[in-house]
Amino acid sequence: MILFSNVNKWYGEYQALCDINAEVKKGEVVVVCGPSGSGKSTLIRTVNRLEEIKSGQLLFDGHDVHGNLNTVELNRLRSRVGFVFQSFNLFPHLSALENIMLSPIHVLGTSRSAARAKALQLLDRVGLADRANSFPAQLSGGQQQRVAIARALAMEPPAMLFDEPTSALDPEMVGEVLSVMRSLAEDGMTMMCVTHEMNFAREVANRIWFMDAGRIIETGTPAEFFNNPQHPRAQRFLSDLRVH
């Protein structure tokens, strides 16, 4: 579903991604973890071209994301990649229901009645059927993030990307968002998640990618990564987590 081939990315003199070679298979949940500044968010944002790469190739479902695409082609590709941001990014002047209906109506050409029915179904799925008419300011952080997940799902994407979806939340709200992500994984959604939630990684991921200094320096199943990390940097990272 997602294939990185020799992907490199610079910000001026600073190389943020170094020779990334990795793949996310259809139906797989990959958790990307590592210390702050290791390139995790940059990596996930290249998948829908929110960040441009300097060299290499990135394929999404067989399409060259960083190829010579015009605006229409790029927007069409982005509409197939669900993206959930750290900071929710809901439209404050629209209700939860309207936030979810917006893209299907304007991008997919879905009728208003069909978009509304789908949005209500998705709000029920994320446990917010009773908050359809609430505005973002009337919702907790966890509720806003669940609306954001429902909004991404409204486009029926074949894959979902999560960029630290719980890091802006109070601790008691984290569980409600992870619960929705867990249910998506159980339904077979292809997912790539940047997160510091190691219990989620241990329980839900099929594979873990550990990054440091712009490189994926270790990959493995949760059992391999948590029980027997090979790279000294991964060993130190896990050791520090256990201390805290």
Protein backbone atom coordinates (compact mmCIF):
# COMPACT_ATOMS: atom_id res chain seq x y z
CA MET A 1 0.00 0.00 0.00
CA ILE A 2 2.83 2.42 0.89
CA LEU A 3 6.37 1.95 -0.43
CA PHE A 4 9.41 4.12 0.39
CA SER A 5 12.42 3.66 -1.92
CA ASN A 6 15.64 5.54 -1.06
CA VAL A 7 13.65 8.54 0.19
CA ASN A 8 15.69 11.58 1.26
CA LYS A 9 14.52 14.93 2.58
CA TRP A 10 16.45 18.08 3.52
CA TYR A 11 15.54 21.33 5.24
CA GLY A 12 18.35 23.53 3.92
CA GLU A 13 21.57 21.97 5.23
CA TYR A 14 19.73 19.63 7.60
CA GLN A 15 18.90 16.14 6.34
CA ALA A 16 15.61 15.13 7.94
CA LEU A 17 15.19 11.76 6.16
CA CYS A 18 18.11 9.56 5.11
CA ASP A 19 17.70 6.72 2.60
CA ILE A 20 14.33 5.46 3.81
CA ASN A 21 13.45 2.02 2.43
CA ALA A 22 10.32 0.49 3.93
CA GLU A 23 6.81 -0.67 3.10
CA VAL A 24 3.38 -0.81 4.70
CA LYS A 25 1.33 -3.73 3.42
CA LYS A 26 -2.42 -3.62 2.84
CA GLY A 27 -4.26 -4.19 6.14
CA GLU A 28 -1.10 -3.68 8.19
CA VAL A 29 -0.72 -1.39 11.21
CA VAL A 30 2.74 0.17 11.40
CA VAL A 31 3.72 2.27 14.40
CA VAL A 32 6.59 4.72 13.89
CA CYS A 33 8.36 5.61 17.13
CA GLY A 34 11.62 7.14 18.27
CA PRO A 35 13.03 10.17 20.08
CA SER A 36 11.85 13.71 19.34
CA GLY A 37 13.40 15.14 16.19
CA SER A 38 14.09 11.73 14.67
CA GLY A 39 12.03 12.43 11.53
CA LYS A 40 8.82 10.55 12.38
CA SER A 41 6.33 13.31 11.54
CA THR A 42 8.31 14.36 8.48
CA LEU A 43 8.19 10.77 7.23
CA ILE A 44 4.44 10.37 7.61
CA ARG A 45 3.77 13.79 6.04
CA THR A 46 5.62 12.75 2.87
CA VAL A 47 3.00 10.05 2.24
CA ASN A 48 0.35 12.60 1.16
CA ARG A 49 2.94 15.16 0.04
CA LEU A 50 2.43 17.63 2.86
CA GLU A 51 6.24 17.46 2.81
CA GLU A 52 8.17 17.23 -0.46
CA ILE A 53 11.01 14.73 -0.77
CA LYS A 54 14.35 15.60 -2.37
CA SER A 55 15.15 12.23 -3.92
CA GLY A 56 13.89 8.67 -4.08
CA GLN A 57 10.38 7.42 -4.76
CA LEU A 58 7.24 7.03 -2.66
CA LEU A 59 4.36 4.92 -3.97
CA PHE A 60 0.86 4.94 -2.50
CA ASP A 61 -1.30 2.10 -3.82
CA GLY A 62 0.91 2.03 -6.91
CA HIS A 63 0.81 5.80 -7.55
CA ASP A 64 3.98 7.91 -7.46
CA VAL A 65 3.12 10.50 -4.79
CA HIS A 66 6.05 12.78 -5.62
CA GLY A 67 5.88 12.35 -9.38
CA ASN A 68 4.89 15.08 -11.81
CA LEU A 69 1.29 15.50 -10.65
CA ASN A 70 -0.93 18.45 -11.44
CA THR A 71 -3.09 19.98 -8.71
CA VAL A 72 -6.18 17.92 -9.60
CA GLU A 73 -4.22 14.64 -9.57
CA LEU A 74 -2.53 15.49 -6.27
CA ASN A 75 -5.85 16.41 -4.63
CA ARG A 76 -7.39 13.18 -5.93
CA LEU A 77 -4.53 11.21 -4.42
CA ARG A 78 -4.77 13.07 -1.11
CA SER A 79 -8.49 12.35 -0.93
CA ARG A 80 -7.57 8.65 -0.69
CA VAL A 81 -5.18 9.13 2.25
CA GLY A 82 -6.92 9.74 5.56
CA PHE A 83 -4.80 12.04 7.73
CA VAL A 84 -5.36 12.76 11.42
CA PHE A 85 -3.32 15.66 12.81
CA GLN A 86 -1.97 16.27 16.28
CA SER A 87 -4.01 19.47 16.62
CA PHE A 88 -7.39 18.23 15.24
CA ASN A 89 -7.65 21.00 12.56
CA LEU A 90 -11.45 21.10 12.65
CA PHE A 91 -13.26 24.10 11.15
CA PRO A 92 -14.39 26.05 14.26
CA HIS A 93 -17.43 27.62 12.56
CA LEU A 94 -18.89 24.24 11.52
CA SER A 95 -20.62 21.66 13.71
CA ALA A 96 -19.16 18.18 14.13
CA LEU A 97 -21.66 16.90 11.56
CA GLU A 98 -20.82 19.66 9.05
CA ASN A 99 -17.06 19.10 9.48
CA ILE A 100 -17.54 15.47 8.44
CA MET A 101 -19.94 16.22 5.56
CA LEU A 102 -17.77 18.91 3.96
CA SER A 103 -15.26 16.85 1.95
CA PRO A 104 -17.63 14.17 0.62
CA ILE A 105 -19.92 16.92 -0.72
CA HIS A 106 -17.25 19.18 -2.23
CA VAL A 107 -14.60 16.64 -3.26
CA LEU A 108 -16.56 13.46 -4.04
CA GLY A 109 -19.76 15.15 -5.19
CA THR A 110 -21.85 13.22 -2.67
CA SER A 111 -25.40 14.48 -2.21
CA ARG A 112 -26.07 16.41 0.98
CA SER A 113 -28.54 13.83 2.27
CA ALA A 114 -26.14 10.91 1.63
CA ALA A 115 -23.23 12.81 3.20
CA ARG A 116 -25.36 13.57 6.26
CA ALA A 117 -26.41 9.94 6.67
CA LYS A 118 -22.79 8.80 6.36
CA ALA A 119 -21.58 11.46 8.82
CA LEU A 120 -24.18 10.42 11.40
CA GLN A 121 -23.12 6.80 10.99
CA LEU A 122 -19.46 7.74 11.50
CA LEU A 123 -20.23 9.87 14.57
CA ASP A 124 -22.00 6.85 16.03
CA ARG A 125 -18.96 4.71 15.24
CA VAL A 126 -16.63 7.04 17.19
CA GLY A 127 -19.11 7.29 20.08
CA LEU A 128 -20.34 10.83 19.41
CA ALA A 129 -23.81 10.35 17.95
CA ASP A 130 -25.21 12.76 20.56
CA ARG A 131 -22.75 15.56 19.67
CA ALA A 132 -23.57 15.94 15.96
CA ASN A 133 -24.64 19.57 16.30
CA SER A 134 -21.90 20.63 18.71
CA PHE A 135 -19.18 23.01 17.55
CA PRO A 136 -15.49 22.19 18.17
CA ALA A 137 -15.27 24.72 21.03
CA GLN A 138 -18.05 22.81 22.80
CA LEU A 139 -16.13 19.50 22.61
CA SER A 140 -13.26 18.15 24.68
CA GLY A 141 -9.93 17.50 23.00
CA GLY A 142 -10.63 13.77 22.85
CA GLN A 143 -14.03 14.39 21.28
CA GLN A 144 -12.54 16.78 18.72
CA GLN A 145 -9.94 14.19 17.74
CA ARG A 146 -12.64 11.54 17.34
CA VAL A 147 -14.56 13.93 15.05
CA ALA A 148 -11.32 14.42 13.09
CA ILE A 149 -10.99 10.64 12.68
CA ALA A 150 -14.62 10.42 11.52
CA ARG A 151 -13.96 13.26 9.06
CA ALA A 152 -11.01 11.36 7.57
CA LEU A 153 -13.05 8.16 7.34
CA ALA A 154 -15.85 9.98 5.49
CA MET A 155 -13.70 9.92 2.35
CA GLU A 156 -13.49 6.10 2.61
CA PRO A 157 -9.69 6.08 2.28
CA PRO A 158 -7.82 2.78 1.78
CA ALA A 159 -5.25 3.91 4.37
CA MET A 160 -5.12 6.16 7.42
CA LEU A 161 -2.17 8.18 8.70
CA PHE A 162 -2.01 9.36 12.32
CA ASP A 163 0.56 12.01 13.28
CA GLU A 164 0.82 11.88 17.10
CA PRO A 165 -2.98 11.94 17.45
CA THR A 166 -2.96 11.86 21.26
CA SER A 167 -0.03 14.12 22.14
CA ALA A 168 -2.20 17.26 22.48
CA LEU A 169 -4.69 15.51 24.78
CA ASP A 170 -5.05 15.35 28.53
CA PRO A 171 -4.16 11.87 29.80
CA GLU A 172 -7.76 10.87 30.55
CA MET A 173 -8.77 11.60 26.94
CA VAL A 174 -6.06 9.49 25.32
CA GLY A 175 -7.87 6.20 25.85
CA GLU A 176 -11.02 7.23 23.99
CA VAL A 177 -9.01 8.10 20.86
CA LEU A 178 -6.86 4.97 21.02
CA SER A 179 -10.01 2.90 21.38
CA VAL A 180 -11.30 4.22 18.04
CA MET A 181 -7.92 3.54 16.42
CA ARG A 182 -7.96 0.00 17.85
CA SER A 183 -11.37 -0.68 16.31
CA LEU A 184 -10.13 0.56 12.91
CA ALA A 185 -7.18 -1.83 13.13
CA GLU A 186 -9.52 -4.70 14.01
CA ASP A 187 -11.58 -3.88 10.90
CA GLY A 188 -8.47 -4.30 8.72
CA MET A 189 -7.70 -0.64 7.97
CA THR A 190 -4.17 -0.01 6.69
CA MET A 191 -2.65 2.37 9.23
CA MET A 192 0.61 4.22 9.75
CA CYS A 193 0.80 5.81 13.20
CA VAL A 194 3.40 8.14 14.68
CA THR A 195 2.85 7.83 18.41
CA HIS A 196 4.52 7.73 21.81
CA GLU A 197 1.80 5.41 23.13
CA MET A 198 3.88 2.28 23.58
CA ASN A 199 1.08 0.15 25.02
CA PHE A 200 -0.92 0.84 21.85
CA ALA A 201 2.14 -0.09 19.77
CA ARG A 202 2.60 -3.33 21.70
CA GLU A 203 -1.06 -4.36 21.46
CA VAL A 204 -2.17 -3.15 18.02
CA ALA A 205 0.84 -2.82 15.67
CA ASN A 206 1.85 -5.52 13.22
CA ARG A 207 5.25 -3.90 12.84
CA ILE A 208 7.22 -1.18 14.59
CA TRP A 209 9.67 1.14 12.87
CA PHE A 210 12.15 2.79 15.20
CA MET A 211 13.69 6.03 13.89
CA ASP A 212 16.70 8.05 14.94
CA ALA A 213 18.44 10.94 13.12
CA GLY A 214 16.26 10.58 10.03
CA ARG A 215 16.78 6.84 9.56
CA ILE A 216 14.73 3.76 10.28
CA ILE A 217 17.33 1.90 12.30
CA GLU A 218 15.21 -1.00 13.52
CA THR A 219 12.02 -2.75 12.41
CA GLY A 220 10.26 -5.72 13.91
CA THR A 221 7.12 -7.13 15.41
CA PRO A 222 6.10 -5.70 18.79
CA ALA A 223 7.40 -8.85 20.49
CA GLU A 224 10.78 -8.51 18.77
CA PHE A 225 11.08 -4.79 19.38
CA PHE A 226 10.01 -4.69 23.03
CA ASN A 227 11.54 -7.96 24.18
CA ASN A 228 14.76 -8.08 22.19
CA PRO A 229 15.73 -4.75 20.53
CA GLN A 230 18.90 -5.09 18.49
CA HIS A 231 20.13 -1.53 17.94
CA PRO A 232 21.83 0.16 20.95
CA ARG A 233 19.78 3.33 20.38
CA ALA A 234 16.53 1.34 20.51
CA GLN A 235 17.74 -0.42 23.65
CA ARG A 236 18.46 2.94 25.30
CA PHE A 237 15.09 4.36 24.21
CA LEU A 238 13.20 1.45 25.76
CA SER A 239 15.34 1.52 28.86
CA ASP A 240 14.56 5.21 29.37
CA LEU A 241 10.82 4.51 28.91
CA ARG A 242 10.90 1.83 31.59
CA VAL A 243 12.68 4.15 34.02
CA HIS A 244 9.96 6.78 33.55
